[in-house]
PDB file of N, CA and C in Angstrom:
ATOM      1  N   UNK A   1      24.385   2.835  -3.580  1.00  0.00           N
ATOM      2  CA  UNK A   1      25.432   2.122  -2.876  1.00  0.00           C
ATOM      3  C   UNK A   1      25.354   2.088  -1.595  1.00  0.00           C
ATOM      4  N   UNK A   2      25.837   1.446  -0.690  1.00  0.00           N
ATOM      5  CA  UNK A   2      25.476   1.518   0.804  1.00  0.00           C
ATOM      6  C   UNK A   2      27.018   1.466   1.583  1.00  0.00           C
ATOM      7  N   UNK A   3      27.681   2.761   1.364  1.00  0.00           N
ATOM      8  CA  UNK A   3      28.606   2.940   1.740  1.00  0.00           C
ATOM      9  C   UNK A   3      28.571   3.572   3.539  1.00  0.00           C
ATOM     10  N   UNK A   4      29.330   3.622   4.565  1.00  0.00           N
ATOM     11  CA  UNK A   4      28.827   3.796   5.675  1.00  0.00           C
ATOM     12  C   UNK A   4      27.896   3.437   6.064  1.00  0.00           C
ATOM     13  N   UNK A   5      27.214   2.069   5.774  1.00  0.00           N
ATOM     14  CA  UNK A   5      25.738   1.981   6.465  1.00  0.00           C
ATOM     15  C   UNK A   5      26.183   0.621   7.372  1.00  0.00           C
ATOM     16  N   UNK A   6      25.835   1.121   8.837  1.00  0.00           N
ATOM     17  CA  UNK A   6      25.986   0.191   9.756  1.00  0.00           C
ATOM     18  C   UNK A   6      25.126  -1.061   9.810  1.00  0.00           C
ATOM     19  N   UNK A   7      24.211  -0.575   9.565  1.00  0.00           N
ATOM     20  CA  UNK A   7      23.134  -1.386  10.153  1.00  0.00           C
ATOM     21  C   UNK A   7      21.498  -1.026   9.327  1.00  0.00           C
ATOM     22  N   UNK A   8      20.598  -1.582   9.487  1.00  0.00           N
ATOM     23  CA  UNK A   8      19.606  -1.574   8.773  1.00  0.00           C
ATOM     24  C   UNK A   8      18.637  -0.669   9.912  1.00  0.00           C
ATOM     25  N   UNK A   9      18.064  -0.222   9.648  1.00  0.00           N
ATOM     26  CA  UNK A   9      17.299   0.905  10.350  1.00  0.00           C
ATOM     27  C   UNK A   9      15.943   0.230  10.747  1.00  0.00           C
ATOM     28  N   UNK A  10      15.121  -0.694  10.085  1.00  0.00           N
ATOM     29  CA  UNK A  10      14.055  -1.354  10.674  1.00  0.00           C
ATOM     30  C   UNK A  10      12.835  -0.257  10.225  1.00  0.00           C
ATOM     31  N   UNK A  11      13.008   0.788   9.993  1.00  0.00           N
ATOM     32  CA  UNK A  11      11.829   1.556   9.770  1.00  0.00           C
ATOM     33  C   UNK A  11      11.655   2.321  11.119  1.00  0.00           C
ATOM     34  N   UNK A  12      12.077   2.205  12.002  1.00  0.00           N
ATOM     35  CA  UNK A  12      11.918   2.995  13.323  1.00  0.00           C
ATOM     36  C   UNK A  12      12.908   3.919  13.773  1.00  0.00           C
ATOM     37  N   UNK A  13      12.662   4.353  14.947  1.00  0.00           N
ATOM     38  CA  UNK A  13      13.746   5.723  15.227  1.00  0.00           C
ATOM     39  C   UNK A  13      14.532   4.585  15.850  1.00  0.00           C
ATOM     40  N   UNK A  14      15.668   5.318  16.298  1.00  0.00           N
ATOM     41  CA  UNK A  14      16.786   4.906  16.903  1.00  0.00           C
ATOM     42  C   UNK A  14      16.287   3.819  18.674  1.00  0.00           C
ATOM     43  N   UNK A  15      15.407   4.839  19.065  1.00  0.00           N
ATOM     44  CA  UNK A  15      14.713   3.906  20.513  1.00  0.00           C
ATOM     45  C   UNK A  15      14.308   2.855  19.978  1.00  0.00           C
ATOM     46  N   UNK A  16      13.183   3.078  19.329  1.00  0.00           N
ATOM     47  CA  UNK A  16      12.295   1.803  19.253  1.00  0.00           C
ATOM     48  C   UNK A  16      13.201   0.782  18.378  1.00  0.00           C
ATOM     49  N   UNK A  17      13.644   0.513  17.474  1.00  0.00           N
ATOM     50  CA  UNK A  17      14.886  -0.199  16.878  1.00  0.00           C
ATOM     51  C   UNK A  17      15.445  -0.438  18.084  1.00  0.00           C
ATOM     52  N   UNK A  18      16.628  -0.232  18.698  1.00  0.00           N
ATOM     53  CA  UNK A  18      16.960  -0.712  19.682  1.00  0.00           C
ATOM     54  C   UNK A  18      16.298  -1.725  20.676  1.00  0.00           C
ATOM     55  N   UNK A  19      15.060  -1.184  21.102  1.00  0.00           N
ATOM     56  CA  UNK A  19      14.273  -1.669  22.134  1.00  0.00           C
ATOM     57  C   UNK A  19      13.526  -3.349  21.369  1.00  0.00           C
ATOM     58  N   UNK A  20      13.336  -2.984  20.161  1.00  0.00           N
ATOM     59  CA  UNK A  20      13.160  -4.114  19.135  1.00  0.00           C
ATOM     60  C   UNK A  20      14.053  -4.901  19.147  1.00  0.00           C
ATOM     61  N   UNK A  21      15.027  -4.977  19.257  1.00  0.00           N
ATOM     62  CA  UNK A  21      16.191  -5.959  18.947  1.00  0.00           C
ATOM     63  C   UNK A  21      16.666  -6.150  20.548  1.00  0.00           C
ATOM     64  N   UNK A  22      16.496  -5.709  21.198  1.00  0.00           N
ATOM     65  CA  UNK A  22      16.554  -5.832  22.754  1.00  0.00           C
ATOM     66  C   UNK A  22      15.877  -7.128  22.781  1.00  0.00           C
ATOM     67  N   UNK A  23      14.454  -6.852  22.336  1.00  0.00           N
ATOM     68  CA  UNK A  23      13.276  -7.520  23.289  1.00  0.00           C
ATOM     69  C   UNK A  23      13.703  -9.487  22.426  1.00  0.00           C
ATOM     70  N   UNK A  24      14.019  -8.624  20.964  1.00  0.00           N
ATOM     71  CA  UNK A  24      14.300 -10.283  20.183  1.00  0.00           C
ATOM     72  C   UNK A  24      15.256 -11.440  20.663  1.00  0.00           C
ATOM     73  N   UNK A  25      16.460 -10.249  21.381  1.00  0.00           N
ATOM     74  CA  UNK A  25      17.671 -10.955  22.058  1.00  0.00           C
ATOM     75  C   UNK A  25      16.911 -11.776  22.798  1.00  0.00           C
ATOM     76  N   UNK A  26      16.369 -10.889  23.964  1.00  0.00           N
ATOM     77  CA  UNK A  26      16.045 -11.403  24.842  1.00  0.00           C
ATOM     78  C   UNK A  26      14.972 -12.827  24.953  1.00  0.00           C
ATOM     79  N   UNK A  27      14.137 -12.807  23.514  1.00  0.00           N
ATOM     80  CA  UNK A  27      13.613 -14.254  23.549  1.00  0.00           C
ATOM     81  C   UNK A  27      14.439 -15.174  22.912  1.00  0.00           C
ATOM     82  N   UNK A  28      15.283 -14.803  22.362  1.00  0.00           N
ATOM     83  CA  UNK A  28      16.258 -15.900  21.704  1.00  0.00           C
ATOM     84  C   UNK A  28      17.238 -16.213  22.845  1.00  0.00           C
ATOM     85  N   UNK A  29      17.659 -15.845  23.422  1.00  0.00           N
ATOM     86  CA  UNK A  29      18.538 -16.138  25.166  1.00  0.00           C
ATOM     87  C   UNK A  29      17.436 -17.440  26.473  1.00  0.00           C
ATOM     88  N   UNK A  30      16.161 -16.375  26.449  1.00  0.00           N
ATOM     89  CA  UNK A  30      15.391 -17.599  27.031  1.00  0.00           C
ATOM     90  C   UNK A  30      14.470 -18.720  26.412  1.00  0.00           C
ATOM     91  N   UNK A  31      14.332 -18.818  25.273  1.00  0.00           N
ATOM     92  CA  UNK A  31      13.746 -19.795  24.561  1.00  0.00           C
ATOM     93  C   UNK A  31      14.443 -20.915  23.464  1.00  0.00           C
ATOM     94  N   UNK A  32      15.867 -20.280  23.300  1.00  0.00           N
ATOM     95  CA  UNK A  32      16.613 -20.985  22.561  1.00  0.00           C
ATOM     96  C   UNK A  32      16.502 -20.684  20.667  1.00  0.00           C
ATOM     97  N   UNK A  33      15.763 -20.090  20.428  1.00  0.00           N
ATOM     98  CA  UNK A  33      14.739 -19.694  19.046  1.00  0.00           C
ATOM     99  C   UNK A  33      13.717 -18.449  19.093  1.00  0.00           C
ATOM    100  N   UNK A  34      13.893 -17.747  18.098  1.00  0.00           N
ATOM    101  CA  UNK A  34      12.605 -17.361  18.011  1.00  0.00           C
ATOM    102  C   UNK A  34      12.222 -17.198  16.526  1.00  0.00           C
ATOM    103  N   UNK A  35      11.005 -16.468  16.247  1.00  0.00           N
ATOM    104  CA  UNK A  35      10.348 -17.222  14.432  1.00  0.00           C
ATOM    105  C   UNK A  35      10.394 -15.148  14.008  1.00  0.00           C
ATOM    106  N   UNK A  36      10.887 -14.717  13.222  1.00  0.00           N
ATOM    107  CA  UNK A  36      10.776 -13.248  13.121  1.00  0.00           C
ATOM    108  C   UNK A  36      10.764 -12.814  11.397  1.00  0.00           C
ATOM    109  N   UNK A  37      11.061 -11.652  11.233  1.00  0.00           N
ATOM    110  CA  UNK A  37      11.246 -11.553   9.709  1.00  0.00           C
ATOM    111  C   UNK A  37      13.011 -11.997   9.966  1.00  0.00           C
ATOM    112  N   UNK A  38      13.141 -11.945   8.408  1.00  0.00           N
ATOM    113  CA  UNK A  38      14.481 -12.153   8.059  1.00  0.00           C
ATOM    114  C   UNK A  38      15.793 -11.306   8.290  1.00  0.00           C
ATOM    115  N   UNK A  39      15.022  -9.986   8.062  1.00  0.00           N
ATOM    116  CA  UNK A  39      15.949  -8.547   8.056  1.00  0.00           C
ATOM    117  C   UNK A  39      15.773  -8.640   9.287  1.00  0.00           C
ATOM    118  N   UNK A  40      14.994  -8.862  10.482  1.00  0.00           N
ATOM    119  CA  UNK A  40      14.964  -8.445  11.741  1.00  0.00           C
ATOM    120  C   UNK A  40      15.990  -9.880  12.138  1.00  0.00           C
ATOM    121  N   UNK A  41      15.763 -10.855  11.928  1.00  0.00           N
ATOM    122  CA  UNK A  41      16.762 -11.688  12.531  1.00  0.00           C
ATOM    123  C   UNK A  41      17.799 -11.863  12.194  1.00  0.00           C
ATOM    124  N   UNK A  42      18.598 -11.582  11.266  1.00  0.00           N
ATOM    125  CA  UNK A  42      19.777 -10.744  10.786  1.00  0.00           C
ATOM    126  C   UNK A  42      20.487  -9.665  11.492  1.00  0.00           C
ATOM    127  N   UNK A  43      19.646  -8.959  12.121  1.00  0.00           N
ATOM    128  CA  UNK A  43      20.096  -7.722  12.853  1.00  0.00           C
ATOM    129  C   UNK A  43      20.542  -7.949  14.028  1.00  0.00           C
ATOM    130  N   UNK A  44      19.307  -8.892  14.783  1.00  0.00           N
ATOM    131  CA  UNK A  44      19.110  -9.631  16.197  1.00  0.00           C
ATOM    132  C   UNK A  44      20.396 -10.226  16.145  1.00  0.00           C
ATOM    133  N   UNK A  45      20.940 -10.998  15.115  1.00  0.00           N
ATOM    134  CA  UNK A  45      22.068 -12.034  15.250  1.00  0.00           C
ATOM    135  C   UNK A  45      23.532 -11.121  15.246  1.00  0.00           C
ATOM    136  N   UNK A  46      23.170 -10.166  15.046  1.00  0.00           N
ATOM    137  CA  UNK A  46      24.890  -9.155  15.269  1.00  0.00           C
ATOM    138  C   UNK A  46      24.540  -8.919  16.615  1.00  0.00           C
ATOM    139  N   UNK A  47      23.481  -8.756  17.158  1.00  0.00           N
ATOM    140  CA  UNK A  47      23.785  -8.336  18.659  1.00  0.00           C
ATOM    141  C   UNK A  47      23.714  -9.507  19.705  1.00  0.00           C
ATOM    142  N   UNK A  48      23.296 -10.488  19.625  1.00  0.00           N
ATOM    143  CA  UNK A  48      23.135 -11.323  19.685  1.00  0.00           C
ATOM    144  C   UNK A  48      24.960 -12.609  20.198  1.00  0.00           C
ATOM    145  N   UNK A  49      24.998 -12.380  18.593  1.00  0.00           N
ATOM    146  CA  UNK A  49      26.671 -13.181  19.166  1.00  0.00           C
ATOM    147  C   UNK A  49      27.632 -11.398  19.712  1.00  0.00           C
ATOM    148  N   UNK A  50      27.183 -10.644  19.296  1.00  0.00           N
ATOM    149  CA  UNK A  50      28.138  -9.757  20.508  1.00  0.00           C
ATOM    150  C   UNK A  50      28.224  -9.750  21.683  1.00  0.00           C
ATOM    151  N   UNK A  51      26.724 -10.232  21.848  1.00  0.00           N
ATOM    152  CA  UNK A  51      26.580 -10.541  23.391  1.00  0.00           C
ATOM    153  C   UNK A  51      27.658 -12.201  23.940  1.00  0.00           C
ATOM    154  N   UNK A  52      27.315 -12.486  23.353  1.00  0.00           N
ATOM    155  CA  UNK A  52      27.814 -13.784  23.546  1.00  0.00           C
ATOM    156  C   UNK A  52      29.481 -14.005  23.637  1.00  0.00           C
ATOM    157  N   UNK A  53      30.317 -13.159  22.714  1.00  0.00           N
ATOM    158  CA  UNK A  53      31.340 -13.251  22.482  1.00  0.00           C
ATOM    159  C   UNK A  53      31.867 -12.167  24.134  1.00  0.00           C
ATOM    160  N   UNK A  54      30.942 -11.102  24.570  1.00  0.00           N
ATOM    161  CA  UNK A  54      31.250 -10.814  25.994  1.00  0.00           C
ATOM    162  C   UNK A  54      31.247 -11.517  26.686  1.00  0.00           C
ATOM    163  N   UNK A  55      29.831 -12.176  26.926  1.00  0.00           N
ATOM    164  CA  UNK A  55      30.005 -12.986  28.326  1.00  0.00           C
ATOM    165  C   UNK A  55      31.141 -14.446  28.023  1.00  0.00           C
ATOM    166  N   UNK A  56      31.519 -15.059  26.852  1.00  0.00           N
ATOM    167  CA  UNK A  56      32.839 -16.087  26.797  1.00  0.00           C
ATOM    168  C   UNK A  56      34.112 -14.874  27.482  1.00  0.00           C
ATOM    169  N   UNK A  57      34.397 -13.786  27.844  1.00  0.00           N
ATOM    170  CA  UNK A  57      35.151 -13.305  28.376  1.00  0.00           C
ATOM    171  C   UNK A  57      34.909 -13.137  29.742  1.00  0.00           C
ATOM    172  N   UNK A  58      33.562 -13.365  30.369  1.00  0.00           N
ATOM    173  CA  UNK A  58      33.339 -14.084  31.723  1.00  0.00           C
ATOM    174  C   UNK A  58      33.750 -12.798  33.091  1.00  0.00           C
ATOM    175  N   UNK A  59      34.338 -11.444  32.611  1.00  0.00           N
ATOM    176  CA  UNK A  59      35.003 -10.825  33.176  1.00  0.00           C
ATOM    177  C   UNK A  59      33.853  -9.444  33.844  1.00  0.00           C
ATOM    178  N   UNK A  60      34.173  -9.365  35.076  1.00  0.00           N
ATOM    179  CA  UNK A  60      33.115  -8.189  35.438  1.00  0.00           C
ATOM    180  C   UNK A  60      32.665  -6.874  34.679  1.00  0.00           C
ATOM    181  N   UNK A  61      33.827  -6.471  33.910  1.00  0.00           N
ATOM    182  CA  UNK A  61      33.602  -5.144  32.718  1.00  0.00           C
ATOM    183  C   UNK A  61      32.570  -5.698  31.982  1.00  0.00           C
ATOM    184  N   UNK A  62      32.930  -7.196  31.395  1.00  0.00           N
ATOM    185  CA  UNK A  62      31.891  -7.436  30.332  1.00  0.00           C
ATOM    186  C   UNK A  62      30.799  -7.705  30.923  1.00  0.00           C
ATOM    187  N   UNK A  63      30.363  -8.019  31.970  1.00  0.00           N
ATOM    188  CA  UNK A  63      29.242  -8.287  32.497  1.00  0.00           C
ATOM    189  C   UNK A  63      28.391  -6.905  32.577  1.00  0.00           C
ATOM    190  N   UNK A  64      29.149  -6.154  32.749  1.00  0.00           N
ATOM    191  CA  UNK A  64      28.256  -4.476  33.197  1.00  0.00           C
ATOM    192  C   UNK A  64      28.424  -4.118  31.621  1.00  0.00           C
ATOM    193  N   UNK A  65      29.074  -4.606  30.790  1.00  0.00           N
ATOM    194  CA  UNK A  65      28.768  -3.961  29.508  1.00  0.00           C
ATOM    195  C   UNK A  65      27.275  -4.758  28.786  1.00  0.00           C
ATOM    196  N   UNK A  66      27.546  -6.281  29.056  1.00  0.00           N
ATOM    197  CA  UNK A  66      25.746  -6.818  28.520  1.00  0.00           C
ATOM    198  C   UNK A  66      24.558  -6.516  29.289  1.00  0.00           C
ATOM    199  N   UNK A  67      25.198  -5.860  31.031  1.00  0.00           N
ATOM    200  CA  UNK A  67      23.791  -5.247  31.410  1.00  0.00           C
ATOM    201  C   UNK A  67      23.408  -4.515  30.659  1.00  0.00           C
ATOM    202  N   UNK A  68      24.424  -3.275  30.297  1.00  0.00           N
ATOM    203  CA  UNK A  68      23.557  -2.261  29.432  1.00  0.00           C
ATOM    204  C   UNK A  68      22.592  -2.468  28.499  1.00  0.00           C
ATOM    205  N   UNK A  69      22.637  -3.704  27.993  1.00  0.00           N
ATOM    206  CA  UNK A  69      22.060  -3.956  26.762  1.00  0.00           C
ATOM    207  C   UNK A  69      20.606  -4.735  27.409  1.00  0.00           C
ATOM    208  N   UNK A  70      20.916  -6.063  27.719  1.00  0.00           N
ATOM    209  CA  UNK A  70      20.000  -6.656  28.707  1.00  0.00           C
ATOM    210  C   UNK A  70      19.592  -6.362  30.507  1.00  0.00           C
ATOM    211  N   UNK A  71      18.669  -5.642  30.398  1.00  0.00           N
ATOM    212  CA  UNK A  71      18.634  -5.420  32.127  1.00  0.00           C
ATOM    213  C   UNK A  71      18.193  -6.107  32.570  1.00  0.00           C
ATOM    214  N   UNK A  72      17.621  -7.713  32.331  1.00  0.00           N
ATOM    215  CA  UNK A  72      17.225  -8.696  33.100  1.00  0.00           C
ATOM    216  C   UNK A  72      18.649  -9.191  33.853  1.00  0.00           C
ATOM    217  N   UNK A  73      19.152  -9.183  35.494  1.00  0.00           N
ATOM    218  CA  UNK A  73      20.205  -9.349  35.814  1.00  0.00           C
ATOM    219  C   UNK A  73      19.920 -11.054  35.676  1.00  0.00           C
ATOM    220  N   UNK A  74      19.057 -11.831  36.142  1.00  0.00           N
ATOM    221  CA  UNK A  74      18.813 -12.998  35.932  1.00  0.00           C
ATOM    222  C   UNK A  74      19.167 -13.773  34.501  1.00  0.00           C
ATOM    223  N   UNK A  75      18.890 -13.106  33.894  1.00  0.00           N
ATOM    224  CA  UNK A  75      19.030 -13.886  32.153  1.00  0.00           C
ATOM    225  C   UNK A  75      20.288 -13.422  32.065  1.00  0.00           C
ATOM    226  N   UNK A  76      21.163 -12.173  32.254  1.00  0.00           N
ATOM    227  CA  UNK A  76      22.399 -12.227  32.043  1.00  0.00           C
ATOM    228  C   UNK A  76      23.490 -13.064  32.745  1.00  0.00           C
ATOM    229  N   UNK A  77      23.009 -13.681  34.139  1.00  0.00           N
ATOM    230  CA  UNK A  77      23.871 -14.534  34.889  1.00  0.00           C
ATOM    231  C   UNK A  77      23.368 -15.753  33.883  1.00  0.00           C
ATOM    232  N   UNK A  78      22.361 -16.526  33.565  1.00  0.00           N
ATOM    233  CA  UNK A  78      22.429 -17.272  32.849  1.00  0.00           C
ATOM    234  C   UNK A  78      22.929 -17.207  31.507  1.00  0.00           C
ATOM    235  N   UNK A  79      23.114 -15.878  30.737  1.00  0.00           N
ATOM    236  CA  UNK A  79      24.486 -16.159  29.697  1.00  0.00           C
ATOM    237  C   UNK A  79      25.173 -16.363  29.774  1.00  0.00           C
ATOM    238  N   UNK A  80      26.003 -15.960  31.026  1.00  0.00           N
ATOM    239  CA  UNK A  80      27.144 -16.128  31.424  1.00  0.00           C
ATOM    240  C   UNK A  80      27.925 -17.219  31.917  1.00  0.00           C
ATOM    241  N   UNK A  81      26.814 -18.057  32.475  1.00  0.00           N
ATOM    242  CA  UNK A  81      26.926 -19.416  33.319  1.00  0.00           C
ATOM    243  C   UNK A  81      26.348 -20.830  32.177  1.00  0.00           C
ATOM    244  N   UNK A  82      25.644 -20.398  31.551  1.00  0.00           N
ATOM    245  CA  UNK A  82      25.029 -21.924  31.009  1.00  0.00           C
ATOM    246  C   UNK A  82      25.128 -21.162  28.782  1.00  0.00           C
ATOM    247  N   UNK A  83      25.076 -20.543  28.736  1.00  0.00           N
ATOM    248  CA  UNK A  83      25.296 -20.066  26.952  1.00  0.00           C
ATOM    249  C   UNK A  83      26.579 -20.113  26.509  1.00  0.00           C
ATOM    250  N   UNK A  84      27.258 -19.010  27.480  1.00  0.00           N
ATOM    251  CA  UNK A  84      28.751 -18.782  27.067  1.00  0.00           C
ATOM    252  C   UNK A  84      29.980 -19.901  27.332  1.00  0.00           C
ATOM    253  N   UNK A  85      28.994 -21.088  28.314  1.00  0.00           N
ATOM    254  CA  UNK A  85      29.844 -22.502  28.474  1.00  0.00           C
ATOM    255  C   UNK A  85      29.641 -22.851  27.397  1.00  0.00           C
ATOM    256  N   UNK A  86      28.366 -22.707  26.756  1.00  0.00           N
ATOM    257  CA  UNK A  86      28.373 -23.951  26.011  1.00  0.00           C
ATOM    258  C   UNK A  86      28.680 -23.758  24.794  1.00  0.00           C
ATOM    259  N   UNK A  87      29.555 -22.395  24.235  1.00  0.00           N
ATOM    260  CA  UNK A  87      29.895 -21.850  23.007  1.00  0.00           C
ATOM    261  C   UNK A  87      31.585 -21.419  23.217  1.00  0.00           C
ATOM    262  N   UNK A  88      32.009 -22.225  24.630  1.00  0.00           N
ATOM    263  CA  UNK A  88      33.481 -21.606  24.941  1.00  0.00           C
ATOM    264  C   UNK A  88      34.722 -21.935  23.861  1.00  0.00           C
ATOM    265  N   UNK A  89      34.436 -23.565  22.733  1.00  0.00           N
ATOM    266  CA  UNK A  89      35.653 -23.599  21.892  1.00  0.00           C
ATOM    267  C   UNK A  89      34.765 -22.651  20.538  1.00  0.00           C
ATOM    268  N   UNK A  90      33.724 -21.902  20.467  1.00  0.00           N
ATOM    269  CA  UNK A  90      33.617 -21.803  19.473  1.00  0.00           C
ATOM    270  C   UNK A  90      33.907 -20.338  19.629  1.00  0.00           C
ATOM    271  N   UNK A  91      34.382 -20.201  17.995  1.00  0.00           N
ATOM    272  CA  UNK A  91      35.338 -18.762  17.819  1.00  0.00           C
ATOM    273  C   UNK A  91      34.491 -17.541  17.480  1.00  0.00           C
ATOM    274  N   UNK A  92      32.775 -18.075  16.881  1.00  0.00           N
ATOM    275  CA  UNK A  92      31.725 -17.483  16.275  1.00  0.00           C
ATOM    276  C   UNK A  92      30.897 -17.936  15.488  1.00  0.00           C
ATOM    277  N   UNK A  93      29.890 -17.537  14.941  1.00  0.00           N
ATOM    278  CA  UNK A  93      28.760 -18.327  14.728  1.00  0.00           C
ATOM    279  C   UNK A  93      28.246 -19.342  15.414  1.00  0.00           C
ATOM    280  N   UNK A  94      27.647 -18.394  16.787  1.00  0.00           N
ATOM    281  CA  UNK A  94      26.955 -18.655  17.760  1.00  0.00           C
ATOM    282  C   UNK A  94      25.491 -18.987  17.211  1.00  0.00           C
ATOM    283  N   UNK A  95      24.785 -18.463  16.683  1.00  0.00           N
ATOM    284  CA  UNK A  95      23.389 -18.214  16.305  1.00  0.00           C
ATOM    285  C   UNK A  95      23.669 -19.077  14.825  1.00  0.00           C
ATOM    286  N   UNK A  96      22.346 -19.236  14.134  1.00  0.00           N
ATOM    287  CA  UNK A  96      22.092 -19.593  12.992  1.00  0.00           C
ATOM    288  C   UNK A  96      20.278 -19.055  12.216  1.00  0.00           C
ATOM    289  N   UNK A  97      20.511 -19.069  11.242  1.00  0.00           N
ATOM    290  CA  UNK A  97      19.027 -18.328  10.143  1.00  0.00           C
ATOM    291  C   UNK A  97      18.878 -19.208   9.811  1.00  0.00           C
ATOM    292  N   UNK A  98      17.219 -19.619  10.115  1.00  0.00           N
ATOM    293  CA  UNK A  98      16.796 -20.583   9.192  1.00  0.00           C
ATOM    294  C   UNK A  98      15.643 -20.212   8.142  1.00  0.00           C
ATOM    295  N   UNK A  99      15.746 -20.513   7.276  1.00  0.00           N
ATOM    296  CA  UNK A  99      14.715 -20.049   6.337  1.00  0.00           C
ATOM    297  C   UNK A  99      13.284 -20.775   6.823  1.00  0.00           C
ATOM    298  N   UNK A 100      12.236 -19.377   6.737  1.00  0.00           N
ATOM    299  CA  UNK A 100      11.007 -20.569   7.250  1.00  0.00           C
ATOM    300  C   UNK A 100       9.633 -19.930   6.636  1.00  0.00           C
ATOM    301  N   UNK A 101       9.751 -19.929   5.083  1.00  0.00           N
ATOM    302  CA  UNK A 101       8.557 -19.233   4.149  1.00  0.00           C
ATOM    303  C   UNK A 101       8.381 -18.035   4.354  1.00  0.00           C
ATOM    304  N   UNK A 102       7.244 -17.632   3.740  1.00  0.00           N
ATOM    305  CA  UNK A 102       6.560 -16.327   3.533  1.00  0.00           C
ATOM    306  C   UNK A 102       5.241 -16.087   4.492  1.00  0.00           C
ATOM    307  N   UNK A 103       5.454 -15.174   5.090  1.00  0.00           N
ATOM    308  CA  UNK A 103       4.465 -14.948   6.253  1.00  0.00           C
ATOM    309  C   UNK A 103       2.870 -14.425   5.549  1.00  0.00           C
ATOM    310  N   UNK A 104       2.123 -15.171   5.614  1.00  0.00           N
ATOM    311  CA  UNK A 104       0.534 -14.980   5.261  1.00  0.00           C
ATOM    312  C   UNK A 104      -0.057 -13.718   5.129  1.00  0.00           C
ATOM    313  N   UNK A 105       0.237 -12.902   5.828  1.00  0.00           N
ATOM    314  CA  UNK A 105      -0.423 -11.680   5.647  1.00  0.00           C
ATOM    315  C   UNK A 105       0.045 -10.279   4.500  1.00  0.00           C
ATOM    316  N   UNK A 106       1.358 -10.576   4.683  1.00  0.00           N
ATOM    317  CA  UNK A 106       2.400  -9.589   3.647  1.00  0.00           C
ATOM    318  C   UNK A 106       3.293 -10.097   3.090  1.00  0.00           C
ATOM    319  N   UNK A 107       3.534 -11.475   2.871  1.00  0.00           N
ATOM    320  CA  UNK A 107       4.473 -12.387   2.519  1.00  0.00           C
ATOM    321  C   UNK A 107       5.958 -11.864   2.406  1.00  0.00           C
ATOM    322  N   UNK A 108       6.264 -11.615   3.860  1.00  0.00           N
ATOM    323  CA  UNK A 108       6.798 -10.927   4.211  1.00  0.00           C
ATOM    324  C   UNK A 108       8.053 -12.498   4.235  1.00  0.00           C
ATOM    325  N   UNK A 109       9.376 -11.976   4.053  1.00  0.00           N
ATOM    326  CA  UNK A 109      10.496 -13.921   4.751  1.00  0.00           C
ATOM    327  C   UNK A 109       9.997 -13.807   6.185  1.00  0.00           C
ATOM    328  N   UNK A 110      10.430 -14.587   6.383  1.00  0.00           N
ATOM    329  CA  UNK A 110      10.367 -14.780   7.439  1.00  0.00           C
ATOM    330  C   UNK A 110      11.470 -16.527   8.131  1.00  0.00           C
ATOM    331  N   UNK A 111      11.918 -16.495   9.279  1.00  0.00           N
ATOM    332  CA  UNK A 111      12.979 -17.154   9.230  1.00  0.00           C
ATOM    333  C   UNK A 111      13.126 -17.325  11.128  1.00  0.00           C
ATOM    334  N   UNK A 112      13.789 -18.631  11.197  1.00  0.00           N
ATOM    335  CA  UNK A 112      14.127 -18.975  12.582  1.00  0.00           C
ATOM    336  C   UNK A 112      15.368 -18.527  12.945  1.00  0.00           C
ATOM    337  N   UNK A 113      15.404 -17.762  14.246  1.00  0.00           N
ATOM    338  CA  UNK A 113      17.030 -17.468  14.296  1.00  0.00           C
ATOM    339  C   UNK A 113      17.398 -18.685  16.016  1.00  0.00           C
ATOM    340  N   UNK A 114      17.971 -19.275  15.701  1.00  0.00           N
ATOM    341  CA  UNK A 114      18.087 -20.140  16.795  1.00  0.00           C
ATOM    342  C   UNK A 114      19.635 -19.984  17.284  1.00  0.00           C
ATOM    343  N   UNK A 115      19.867 -20.531  18.505  1.00  0.00           N
ATOM    344  CA  UNK A 115      21.121 -20.637  18.805  1.00  0.00           C
ATOM    345  C   UNK A 115      21.736 -21.973  18.076  1.00  0.00           C
ATOM    346  N   UNK A 116      23.453 -21.928  18.182  1.00  0.00           N
ATOM    347  CA  UNK A 116      23.700 -23.111  17.190  1.00  0.00           C
ATOM    348  C   UNK A 116      23.834 -24.291  18.469  1.00  0.00           C
ATOM    349  N   UNK A 117      24.505 -25.893  17.922  1.00  0.00           N
ATOM    350  CA  UNK A 117      24.181 -26.285  19.084  1.00  0.00           C
ATOM    351  C   UNK A 117      25.658 -26.828  19.007  1.00  0.00           C
TER     352      UNK A 117
END
């Protein structure tokens, strides 16, 4: 049973898991798509959608909240000015996960996480 289980641990301690997710989301916002494992993509999607929703609010408190997660001020500016404006009419579902087969080395399920258009 998965009672009260909020997220996947990804086999890492908390600080490493948060750093991994932060790196995935930074790559997603910079390049508009990333290729990673399916489980990591699902976890990164949760964080990315939360940050885009905050960016759509557009106020100072939301900007500071996003800056706690993404330390790059230039990227946060891009998120608030470009990405949030792209999704201003959408109420959710800002990202899409496309299956990309299995990884050759260990047969892990791969996926492409991309921003929806």
